[in-house]
Each structure stands twice: as C-alpha cells, then as structure tokens.
C-alpha cells in the first residue's frame, strides 16, 4: 500500500496503482476466508485465489521498475516477497488438496 502511495498520479501511475492495490489486498482477504472456511471444499478454491493474486501483483511491480516509476532498489524486496508468498501458498494449497 505504501508503494501505491508513492506512484505518480498521471494515468499510467494511477492505472498500475489500481491494479496492484486490487491484487495485493486480495491476498489477505482471501487467505482469511480460506482460514475461516467451513470445509476443505470451501478452503481450497480460496487458497487458489491466494496463489493467483501475488503472482498477478508481480508483473505490476516489474512494470513499475521497467518504466522507472520507482527505483528498483526500493521495491525489489516486494517482488521477492510476492514470489515467496506465491510459493508458500501453492504448497499450502497442495497440502490442503490432498
């Protein structure tokens, strides 16, 4: 969310900010829903969404770096974190599915 606050306000910054905010905040909301699910059948699809959303956030972060909206050194950690969350949630989904 702090990254989104630092993006410029012209059209390209707003567009990327909107997309990134949606995908990034969806991770927490869907993880919470998966944890509170009443059954495995209800939990696994939510975990699938949790896997998808940080993976969807990564291209937006990469684009921010590519077009120079924010310096790479300031946000490379977010890219790593999104990749780690994707891997962790994919493993959790696999475990929950078995």
PDB file of N, CA and C in Angstrom:
ATOM      1  N   UNK A   1       0.819  -1.179   0.000  1.00  0.00           N
ATOM      2  CA  UNK A   1       0.000   0.000   0.000  1.00  0.00           C
ATOM      3  C   UNK A   1       0.873   1.257   0.000  1.00  0.00           C
ATOM      4  N   UNK A   2       1.999   1.178   0.696  1.00  0.00           N
ATOM      5  CA  UNK A   2       2.905   2.344   0.682  1.00  0.00           C
ATOM      6  C   UNK A   2       3.474   2.557  -0.710  1.00  0.00           C
ATOM      7  N   UNK A   3       3.755   1.487  -1.432  1.00  0.00           N
ATOM      8  CA  UNK A   3       4.250   1.623  -2.797  1.00  0.00           C
ATOM      9  C   UNK A   3       3.230   2.353  -3.657  1.00  0.00           C
ATOM     10  N   UNK A   4       1.975   1.978  -3.552  1.00  0.00           N
ATOM     11  CA  UNK A   4       0.919   2.611  -4.328  1.00  0.00           C
ATOM     12  C   UNK A   4       0.859   4.108  -4.021  1.00  0.00           C
ATOM     13  N   UNK A   5       1.042   4.468  -2.761  1.00  0.00           N
ATOM     14  CA  UNK A   5       1.046   5.887  -2.373  1.00  0.00           C
ATOM     15  C   UNK A   5       2.189   6.661  -3.021  1.00  0.00           C
ATOM     16  N   UNK A   6       3.276   5.969  -3.370  1.00  0.00           N
ATOM     17  CA  UNK A   6       4.440   6.633  -3.957  1.00  0.00           C
ATOM     18  C   UNK A   6       4.415   6.696  -5.484  1.00  0.00           C
ATOM     19  N   UNK A   7       3.413   6.089  -6.088  1.00  0.00           N
ATOM     20  CA  UNK A   7       3.337   6.120  -7.550  1.00  0.00           C
ATOM     21  C   UNK A   7       2.821   7.482  -8.015  1.00  0.00           C
ATOM     22  N   UNK A   8       3.304   7.945  -9.162  1.00  0.00           N
ATOM     23  CA  UNK A   8       2.847   9.234  -9.673  1.00  0.00           C
ATOM     24  C   UNK A   8       1.361   9.207 -10.027  1.00  0.00           C
ATOM     25  N   UNK A   9       0.742  10.351 -10.029  1.00  0.00           N
ATOM     26  CA  UNK A   9      -0.697  10.457 -10.269  1.00  0.00           C
ATOM     27  C   UNK A   9      -1.120  10.476 -11.740  1.00  0.00           C
ATOM     28  N   UNK A  10      -0.235  10.731 -12.703  1.00  0.00           N
ATOM     29  CA  UNK A  10      -0.694  10.660 -14.099  1.00  0.00           C
ATOM     30  C   UNK A  10      -1.311   9.292 -14.412  1.00  0.00           C
ATOM     31  N   UNK A  11      -1.913   9.176 -15.561  1.00  0.00           N
ATOM     32  CA  UNK A  11      -2.706   7.997 -15.929  1.00  0.00           C
ATOM     33  C   UNK A  11      -1.956   6.690 -15.714  1.00  0.00           C
ATOM     34  N   UNK A  12      -0.715   6.568 -16.201  1.00  0.00           N
ATOM     35  CA  UNK A  12      -0.032   5.272 -16.064  1.00  0.00           C
ATOM     36  C   UNK A  12       0.194   4.913 -14.608  1.00  0.00           C
ATOM     37  N   UNK A  13       0.519   5.879 -13.773  1.00  0.00           N
ATOM     38  CA  UNK A  13       0.707   5.600 -12.356  1.00  0.00           C
ATOM     39  C   UNK A  13      -0.578   5.176 -11.679  1.00  0.00           C
ATOM     40  N   UNK A  14      -1.672   5.866 -11.999  1.00  0.00           N
ATOM     41  CA  UNK A  14      -2.972   5.524 -11.398  1.00  0.00           C
ATOM     42  C   UNK A  14      -3.441   4.148 -11.843  1.00  0.00           C
ATOM     43  N   UNK A  15      -3.270   3.842 -13.112  1.00  0.00           N
ATOM     44  CA  UNK A  15      -3.705   2.543 -13.647  1.00  0.00           C
ATOM     45  C   UNK A  15      -2.959   1.403 -12.951  1.00  0.00           C
ATOM     46  N   UNK A  16      -1.653   1.527 -12.882  1.00  0.00           N
ATOM     47  CA  UNK A  16      -0.848   0.490 -12.227  1.00  0.00           C
ATOM     48  C   UNK A  16      -1.184   0.425 -10.743  1.00  0.00           C
ATOM     49  N   UNK A  17      -1.342   1.582 -10.113  1.00  0.00           N
ATOM     50  CA  UNK A  17      -1.676   1.622  -8.683  1.00  0.00           C
ATOM     51  C   UNK A  17      -2.986   0.894  -8.413  1.00  0.00           C
ATOM     52  N   UNK A  18      -3.991   1.141  -9.248  1.00  0.00           N
ATOM     53  CA  UNK A  18      -5.293   0.482  -9.059  1.00  0.00           C
ATOM     54  C   UNK A  18      -5.177  -1.032  -9.200  1.00  0.00           C
ATOM     55  N   UNK A  19      -4.487  -1.482 -10.235  1.00  0.00           N
ATOM     56  CA  UNK A  19      -4.328  -2.924 -10.465  1.00  0.00           C
ATOM     57  C   UNK A  19      -3.552  -3.583  -9.315  1.00  0.00           C
ATOM     58  N   UNK A  20      -2.468  -2.946  -8.912  1.00  0.00           N
ATOM     59  CA  UNK A  20      -1.632  -3.502  -7.843  1.00  0.00           C
ATOM     60  C   UNK A  20      -2.383  -3.517  -6.519  1.00  0.00           C
ATOM     61  N   UNK A  21      -3.109  -2.464  -6.228  1.00  0.00           N
ATOM     62  CA  UNK A  21      -3.857  -2.412  -4.969  1.00  0.00           C
ATOM     63  C   UNK A  21      -4.893  -3.530  -4.911  1.00  0.00           C
ATOM     64  N   UNK A  22      -5.592  -3.773  -6.014  1.00  0.00           N
ATOM     65  CA  UNK A  22      -6.605  -4.839  -6.028  1.00  0.00           C
ATOM     66  C   UNK A  22      -5.979  -6.215  -5.806  1.00  0.00           C
ATOM     67  N   UNK A  23      -4.929  -6.512  -6.557  1.00  0.00           N
ATOM     68  CA  UNK A  23      -4.354  -7.862  -6.443  1.00  0.00           C
ATOM     69  C   UNK A  23      -3.654  -8.055  -5.103  1.00  0.00           C
ATOM     70  N   UNK A  24      -2.963  -7.041  -4.623  1.00  0.00           N
ATOM     71  CA  UNK A  24      -2.217  -7.182  -3.363  1.00  0.00           C
ATOM     72  C   UNK A  24      -3.145  -7.306  -2.156  1.00  0.00           C
ATOM     73  N   UNK A  25      -4.198  -6.517  -2.113  1.00  0.00           N
ATOM     74  CA  UNK A  25      -5.098  -6.594  -0.955  1.00  0.00           C
ATOM     75  C   UNK A  25      -5.970  -7.847  -0.991  1.00  0.00           C
ATOM     76  N   UNK A  26      -6.165  -8.406  -2.151  1.00  0.00           N
ATOM     77  CA  UNK A  26      -6.955  -9.623  -2.274  1.00  0.00           C
ATOM     78  C   UNK A  26      -6.275 -10.813  -1.592  1.00  0.00           C
ATOM     79  N   UNK A  27      -4.959 -10.778  -1.527  1.00  0.00           N
ATOM     80  CA  UNK A  27      -4.219 -11.881  -0.893  1.00  0.00           C
ATOM     81  C   UNK A  27      -4.693 -12.061   0.548  1.00  0.00           C
ATOM     82  N   UNK A  28      -4.671 -10.987   1.322  1.00  0.00           N
ATOM     83  CA  UNK A  28      -5.042 -11.067   2.738  1.00  0.00           C
ATOM     84  C   UNK A  28      -6.508 -11.445   2.918  1.00  0.00           C
ATOM     85  N   UNK A  29      -7.376 -10.847   2.119  1.00  0.00           N
ATOM     86  CA  UNK A  29      -8.805 -11.122   2.259  1.00  0.00           C
ATOM     87  C   UNK A  29      -9.124 -12.584   1.950  1.00  0.00           C
ATOM     88  N   UNK A  30      -8.547 -13.108   0.890  1.00  0.00           N
ATOM     89  CA  UNK A  30      -8.825 -14.499   0.526  1.00  0.00           C
ATOM     90  C   UNK A  30      -8.131 -15.487   1.444  1.00  0.00           C
ATOM     91  N   UNK A  31      -6.968 -15.134   1.972  1.00  0.00           N
ATOM     92  CA  UNK A  31      -6.305 -16.010   2.947  1.00  0.00           C
ATOM     93  C   UNK A  31      -7.163 -16.119   4.200  1.00  0.00           C
ATOM     94  N   UNK A  32      -7.681 -14.990   4.639  1.00  0.00           N
ATOM     95  CA  UNK A  32      -8.552 -15.005   5.817  1.00  0.00           C
ATOM     96  C   UNK A  32      -9.783 -15.874   5.548  1.00  0.00           C
ATOM     97  N   UNK A  33     -10.371 -15.722   4.373  1.00  0.00           N
ATOM     98  CA  UNK A  33     -11.546 -16.530   4.021  1.00  0.00           C
ATOM     99  C   UNK A  33     -11.195 -18.018   3.984  1.00  0.00           C
ATOM    100  N   UNK A  34     -10.016 -18.344   3.467  1.00  0.00           N
ATOM    101  CA  UNK A  34      -9.589 -19.750   3.409  1.00  0.00           C
ATOM    102  C   UNK A  34      -9.406 -20.313   4.819  1.00  0.00           C
ATOM    103  N   UNK A  35      -8.837 -19.506   5.698  1.00  0.00           N
ATOM    104  CA  UNK A  35      -8.625 -19.962   7.083  1.00  0.00           C
ATOM    105  C   UNK A  35      -9.936 -20.142   7.837  1.00  0.00           C
ATOM    106  N   UNK A  36     -10.946 -19.390   7.468  1.00  0.00           N
ATOM    107  CA  UNK A  36     -12.232 -19.467   8.157  1.00  0.00           C
ATOM    108  C   UNK A  36     -13.241 -20.369   7.447  1.00  0.00           C
ATOM    109  N   UNK A  37     -12.800 -21.017   6.411  1.00  0.00           N
ATOM    110  CA  UNK A  37     -13.697 -21.881   5.633  1.00  0.00           C
ATOM    111  C   UNK A  37     -14.261 -22.995   6.509  1.00  0.00           C
ATOM    112  N   UNK A  38     -15.465 -23.401   6.178  1.00  0.00           N
ATOM    113  CA  UNK A  38     -16.136 -24.454   6.952  1.00  0.00           C
ATOM    114  C   UNK A  38     -15.726 -25.851   6.539  1.00  0.00           C
ATOM    115  N   UNK A  39     -15.119 -25.960   5.351  1.00  0.00           N
ATOM    116  CA  UNK A  39     -14.732 -27.283   4.867  1.00  0.00           C
ATOM    117  C   UNK A  39     -13.532 -27.155   3.930  1.00  0.00           C
ATOM    118  N   UNK A  40     -12.915 -28.297   3.654  1.00  0.00           N
ATOM    119  CA  UNK A  40     -11.816 -28.332   2.697  1.00  0.00           C
ATOM    120  C   UNK A  40     -12.299 -27.892   1.317  1.00  0.00           C
ATOM    121  N   UNK A  41     -13.507 -28.308   0.951  1.00  0.00           N
ATOM    122  CA  UNK A  41     -14.069 -27.954  -0.352  1.00  0.00           C
ATOM    123  C   UNK A  41     -14.253 -26.445  -0.482  1.00  0.00           C
ATOM    124  N   UNK A  42     -14.465 -25.764   0.616  1.00  0.00           N
ATOM    125  CA  UNK A  42     -14.608 -24.311   0.610  1.00  0.00           C
ATOM    126  C   UNK A  42     -13.250 -23.618   0.691  1.00  0.00           C
ATOM    127  N   UNK A  43     -12.311 -24.252   1.342  1.00  0.00           N
ATOM    128  CA  UNK A  43     -10.993 -23.651   1.584  1.00  0.00           C
ATOM    129  C   UNK A  43     -10.077 -23.683   0.359  1.00  0.00           C
ATOM    130  N   UNK A  44     -10.036 -24.781  -0.341  1.00  0.00           N
ATOM    131  CA  UNK A  44      -9.088 -24.955  -1.452  1.00  0.00           C
ATOM    132  C   UNK A  44      -9.281 -23.917  -2.562  1.00  0.00           C
ATOM    133  N   UNK A  45     -10.502 -23.623  -2.996  1.00  0.00           N
ATOM    134  CA  UNK A  45     -10.646 -22.581  -4.027  1.00  0.00           C
ATOM    135  C   UNK A  45     -10.157 -21.209  -3.554  1.00  0.00           C
ATOM    136  N   UNK A  46     -10.366 -20.895  -2.289  1.00  0.00           N
ATOM    137  CA  UNK A  46      -9.870 -19.624  -1.753  1.00  0.00           C
ATOM    138  C   UNK A  46      -8.345 -19.616  -1.757  1.00  0.00           C
ATOM    139  N   UNK A  47      -7.737 -20.739  -1.402  1.00  0.00           N
ATOM    140  CA  UNK A  47      -6.274 -20.823  -1.458  1.00  0.00           C
ATOM    141  C   UNK A  47      -5.773 -20.676  -2.888  1.00  0.00           C
ATOM    142  N   UNK A  48      -6.544 -21.160  -3.846  1.00  0.00           N
ATOM    143  CA  UNK A  48      -6.166 -20.986  -5.248  1.00  0.00           C
ATOM    144  C   UNK A  48      -6.137 -19.506  -5.618  1.00  0.00           C
ATOM    145  N   UNK A  49      -7.077 -18.756  -5.113  1.00  0.00           N
ATOM    146  CA  UNK A  49      -7.089 -17.311  -5.345  1.00  0.00           C
ATOM    147  C   UNK A  49      -5.908 -16.654  -4.645  1.00  0.00           C
ATOM    148  N   UNK A  50      -5.582 -17.125  -3.454  1.00  0.00           N
ATOM    149  CA  UNK A  50      -4.435 -16.581  -2.724  1.00  0.00           C
ATOM    150  C   UNK A  50      -3.145 -16.830  -3.511  1.00  0.00           C
ATOM    151  N   UNK A  51      -3.030 -17.947  -4.182  1.00  0.00           N
ATOM    152  CA  UNK A  51      -1.854 -18.242  -5.009  1.00  0.00           C
ATOM    153  C   UNK A  51      -1.825 -17.306  -6.218  1.00  0.00           C
ATOM    154  N   UNK A  52      -2.972 -17.077  -6.815  1.00  0.00           N
ATOM    155  CA  UNK A  52      -3.059 -16.293  -8.047  1.00  0.00           C
ATOM    156  C   UNK A  52      -2.746 -14.815  -7.829  1.00  0.00           C
ATOM    157  N   UNK A  53      -3.193 -14.236  -6.749  1.00  0.00           N
ATOM    158  CA  UNK A  53      -3.103 -12.783  -6.569  1.00  0.00           C
ATOM    159  C   UNK A  53      -1.679 -12.245  -6.408  1.00  0.00           C
ATOM    160  N   UNK A  54      -0.812 -12.841  -5.581  1.00  0.00           N
ATOM    161  CA  UNK A  54       0.550 -12.297  -5.543  1.00  0.00           C
ATOM    162  C   UNK A  54       1.282 -12.523  -6.865  1.00  0.00           C
ATOM    163  N   UNK A  55       0.936 -13.634  -7.542  1.00  0.00           N
ATOM    164  CA  UNK A  55       1.515 -13.884  -8.858  1.00  0.00           C
ATOM    165  C   UNK A  55       1.066 -12.808  -9.845  1.00  0.00           C
ATOM    166  N   UNK A  56      -0.169 -12.338  -9.691  1.00  0.00           N
ATOM    167  CA  UNK A  56      -0.696 -11.266 -10.526  1.00  0.00           C
ATOM    168  C   UNK A  56      -0.060  -9.916 -10.167  1.00  0.00           C
ATOM    169  N   UNK A  57       0.349  -9.754  -8.927  1.00  0.00           N
ATOM    170  CA  UNK A  57       0.982  -8.498  -8.488  1.00  0.00           C
ATOM    171  C   UNK A  57       2.388  -8.345  -9.057  1.00  0.00           C
ATOM    172  N   UNK A  58       3.081  -9.445  -9.264  1.00  0.00           N
ATOM    173  CA  UNK A  58       4.478  -9.380  -9.705  1.00  0.00           C
ATOM    174  C   UNK A  58       4.681  -8.637 -11.018  1.00  0.00           C
ATOM    175  N   UNK A  59       3.875  -8.874 -12.067  1.00  0.00           N
ATOM    176  CA  UNK A  59       4.110  -8.120 -13.300  1.00  0.00           C
ATOM    177  C   UNK A  59       3.917  -6.611 -13.114  1.00  0.00           C
ATOM    178  N   UNK A  60       3.001  -6.214 -12.225  1.00  0.00           N
ATOM    179  CA  UNK A  60       2.803  -4.780 -11.982  1.00  0.00           C
ATOM    180  C   UNK A  60       4.032  -4.183 -11.310  1.00  0.00           C
ATOM    181  N   UNK A  61       4.600  -4.917 -10.362  1.00  0.00           N
ATOM    182  CA  UNK A  61       5.810  -4.436  -9.693  1.00  0.00           C
ATOM    183  C   UNK A  61       6.960  -4.378 -10.696  1.00  0.00           C
ATOM    184  N   UNK A  62       7.064  -5.406 -11.534  1.00  0.00           N
ATOM    185  CA  UNK A  62       8.114  -5.406 -12.572  1.00  0.00           C
ATOM    186  C   UNK A  62       7.939  -4.227 -13.530  1.00  0.00           C
ATOM    187  N   UNK A  63       6.707  -3.925 -13.894  1.00  0.00           N
ATOM    188  CA  UNK A  63       6.442  -2.810 -14.788  1.00  0.00           C
ATOM    189  C   UNK A  63       6.816  -1.475 -14.133  1.00  0.00           C
ATOM    190  N   UNK A  64       6.534  -1.339 -12.853  1.00  0.00           N
ATOM    191  CA  UNK A  64       6.910  -0.127 -12.118  1.00  0.00           C
ATOM    192  C   UNK A  64       8.415   0.083 -12.214  1.00  0.00           C
ATOM    193  N   UNK A  65       9.174  -1.001 -12.083  1.00  0.00           N
ATOM    194  CA  UNK A  65      10.632  -0.923 -12.187  1.00  0.00           C
ATOM    195  C   UNK A  65      11.035  -0.588 -13.618  1.00  0.00           C
ATOM    196  N   UNK A  66      10.459  -1.304 -14.593  1.00  0.00           N
ATOM    197  CA  UNK A  66      10.833  -1.124 -16.003  1.00  0.00           C
ATOM    198  C   UNK A  66      10.615   0.292 -16.507  1.00  0.00           C
ATOM    199  N   UNK A  67       9.510   0.906 -16.132  1.00  0.00           N
ATOM    200  CA  UNK A  67       9.226   2.254 -16.638  1.00  0.00           C
ATOM    201  C   UNK A  67       9.776   3.343 -15.727  1.00  0.00           C
ATOM    202  N   UNK A  68      10.422   2.942 -14.641  1.00  0.00           N
ATOM    203  CA  UNK A  68      11.095   3.901 -13.776  1.00  0.00           C
ATOM    204  C   UNK A  68      10.186   4.730 -12.886  1.00  0.00           C
ATOM    205  N   UNK A  69       9.013   4.192 -12.542  1.00  0.00           N
ATOM    206  CA  UNK A  69       8.125   4.943 -11.659  1.00  0.00           C
ATOM    207  C   UNK A  69       8.669   5.001 -10.237  1.00  0.00           C
ATOM    208  N   UNK A  70       9.361   3.944  -9.825  1.00  0.00           N
ATOM    209  CA  UNK A  70      10.023   3.872  -8.518  1.00  0.00           C
ATOM    210  C   UNK A  70      11.311   3.098  -8.735  1.00  0.00           C
ATOM    211  N   UNK A  71      12.359   3.505  -8.054  1.00  0.00           N
ATOM    212  CA  UNK A  71      13.649   2.841  -8.219  1.00  0.00           C
ATOM    213  C   UNK A  71      13.609   1.374  -7.838  1.00  0.00           C
ATOM    214  N   UNK A  72      14.302   0.560  -8.621  1.00  0.00           N
ATOM    215  CA  UNK A  72      14.320  -0.893  -8.409  1.00  0.00           C
ATOM    216  C   UNK A  72      14.810  -1.248  -7.009  1.00  0.00           C
ATOM    217  N   UNK A  73      15.821  -0.560  -6.527  1.00  0.00           N
ATOM    218  CA  UNK A  73      16.379  -0.895  -5.215  1.00  0.00           C
ATOM    219  C   UNK A  73      15.362  -0.709  -4.091  1.00  0.00           C
ATOM    220  N   UNK A  74      14.380   0.163  -4.323  1.00  0.00           N
ATOM    221  CA  UNK A  74      13.376   0.419  -3.293  1.00  0.00           C
ATOM    222  C   UNK A  74      12.289  -0.643  -3.237  1.00  0.00           C
ATOM    223  N   UNK A  75      12.078  -1.380  -4.347  1.00  0.00           N
ATOM    224  CA  UNK A  75      10.939  -2.309  -4.351  1.00  0.00           C
ATOM    225  C   UNK A  75      11.283  -3.746  -4.736  1.00  0.00           C
ATOM    226  N   UNK A  76      12.553  -4.046  -4.938  1.00  0.00           N
ATOM    227  CA  UNK A  76      12.903  -5.433  -5.271  1.00  0.00           C
ATOM    228  C   UNK A  76      12.509  -6.392  -4.162  1.00  0.00           C
ATOM    229  N   UNK A  77      12.528  -5.929  -2.922  1.00  0.00           N
ATOM    230  CA  UNK A  77      12.108  -6.768  -1.803  1.00  0.00           C
ATOM    231  C   UNK A  77      10.645  -7.171  -1.910  1.00  0.00           C
ATOM    232  N   UNK A  78       9.816  -6.278  -2.416  1.00  0.00           N
ATOM    233  CA  UNK A  78       8.402  -6.606  -2.601  1.00  0.00           C
ATOM    234  C   UNK A  78       8.217  -7.689  -3.655  1.00  0.00           C
ATOM    235  N   UNK A  79       9.031  -7.615  -4.687  1.00  0.00           N
ATOM    236  CA  UNK A  79       8.973  -8.633  -5.737  1.00  0.00           C
ATOM    237  C   UNK A  79       9.361  -9.998  -5.176  1.00  0.00           C
ATOM    238  N   UNK A  80      10.421 -10.032  -4.389  1.00  0.00           N
ATOM    239  CA  UNK A  80      10.830 -11.290  -3.741  1.00  0.00           C
ATOM    240  C   UNK A  80       9.729 -11.801  -2.810  1.00  0.00           C
ATOM    241  N   UNK A  81       9.149 -10.906  -2.042  1.00  0.00           N
ATOM    242  CA  UNK A  81       8.104 -11.300  -1.105  1.00  0.00           C
ATOM    243  C   UNK A  81       6.879 -11.864  -1.833  1.00  0.00           C
ATOM    244  N   UNK A  82       6.492 -11.237  -2.924  1.00  0.00           N
ATOM    245  CA  UNK A  82       5.357 -11.746  -3.705  1.00  0.00           C
ATOM    246  C   UNK A  82       5.652 -13.150  -4.234  1.00  0.00           C
ATOM    247  N   UNK A  83       6.886 -13.368  -4.669  1.00  0.00           N
ATOM    248  CA  UNK A  83       7.288 -14.686  -5.158  1.00  0.00           C
ATOM    249  C   UNK A  83       7.266 -15.715  -4.035  1.00  0.00           C
ATOM    250  N   UNK A  84       7.748 -15.332  -2.858  1.00  0.00           N
ATOM    251  CA  UNK A  84       7.759 -16.244  -1.706  1.00  0.00           C
ATOM    252  C   UNK A  84       6.344 -16.581  -1.257  1.00  0.00           C
ATOM    253  N   UNK A  85       5.481 -15.573  -1.202  1.00  0.00           N
ATOM    254  CA  UNK A  85       4.084 -15.821  -0.807  1.00  0.00           C
ATOM    255  C   UNK A  85       3.415 -16.762  -1.797  1.00  0.00           C
ATOM    256  N   UNK A  86       3.675 -16.556  -3.084  1.00  0.00           N
ATOM    257  CA  UNK A  86       3.108 -17.438  -4.101  1.00  0.00           C
ATOM    258  C   UNK A  86       3.549 -18.879  -3.857  1.00  0.00           C
ATOM    259  N   UNK A  87       4.830 -19.083  -3.604  1.00  0.00           N
ATOM    260  CA  UNK A  87       5.356 -20.436  -3.380  1.00  0.00           C
ATOM    261  C   UNK A  87       4.777 -21.066  -2.109  1.00  0.00           C
ATOM    262  N   UNK A  88       4.705 -20.295  -1.045  1.00  0.00           N
ATOM    263  CA  UNK A  88       4.179 -20.808   0.227  1.00  0.00           C
ATOM    264  C   UNK A  88       2.706 -21.187   0.087  1.00  0.00           C
ATOM    265  N   UNK A  89       1.941 -20.318  -0.540  1.00  0.00           N
ATOM    266  CA  UNK A  89       0.507 -20.587  -0.692  1.00  0.00           C
ATOM    267  C   UNK A  89       0.245 -21.736  -1.665  1.00  0.00           C
ATOM    268  N   UNK A  90       1.088 -21.895  -2.676  1.00  0.00           N
ATOM    269  CA  UNK A  90       0.950 -23.032  -3.598  1.00  0.00           C
ATOM    270  C   UNK A  90       1.190 -24.334  -2.842  1.00  0.00           C
ATOM    271  N   UNK A  91       2.192 -24.346  -1.973  1.00  0.00           N
ATOM    272  CA  UNK A  91       2.452 -25.542  -1.163  1.00  0.00           C
ATOM    273  C   UNK A  91       1.301 -25.803  -0.196  1.00  0.00           C
ATOM    274  N   UNK A  92       0.744 -24.750   0.392  1.00  0.00           N
ATOM    275  CA  UNK A  92      -0.397 -24.913   1.307  1.00  0.00           C
ATOM    276  C   UNK A  92      -1.604 -25.458   0.564  1.00  0.00           C
ATOM    277  N   UNK A  93      -1.839 -24.955  -0.637  1.00  0.00           N
ATOM    278  CA  UNK A  93      -2.981 -25.441  -1.426  1.00  0.00           C
ATOM    279  C   UNK A  93      -2.792 -26.921  -1.762  1.00  0.00           C
ATOM    280  N   UNK A  94      -1.565 -27.292  -2.105  1.00  0.00           N
ATOM    281  CA  UNK A  94      -1.285 -28.697  -2.438  1.00  0.00           C
ATOM    282  C   UNK A  94      -1.547 -29.589  -1.233  1.00  0.00           C
ATOM    283  N   UNK A  95      -1.105 -29.149  -0.065  1.00  0.00           N
ATOM    284  CA  UNK A  95      -1.330 -29.922   1.166  1.00  0.00           C
ATOM    285  C   UNK A  95      -2.829 -30.016   1.472  1.00  0.00           C
ATOM    286  N   UNK A  96      -3.534 -28.895   1.336  1.00  0.00           N
ATOM    287  CA  UNK A  96      -4.967 -28.884   1.623  1.00  0.00           C
ATOM    288  C   UNK A  96      -5.767 -29.740   0.650  1.00  0.00           C
ATOM    289  N   UNK A  97      -5.256 -29.855  -0.575  1.00  0.00           N
ATOM    290  CA  UNK A  97      -5.958 -30.635  -1.595  1.00  0.00           C
ATOM    291  C   UNK A  97      -5.795 -32.136  -1.415  1.00  0.00           C
ATOM    292  N   UNK A  98      -4.757 -32.546  -0.684  1.00  0.00           N
ATOM    293  CA  UNK A  98      -4.508 -33.990  -0.551  1.00  0.00           C
ATOM    294  C   UNK A  98      -5.359 -34.621   0.507  1.00  0.00           C
TER     295      UNK A  98
END
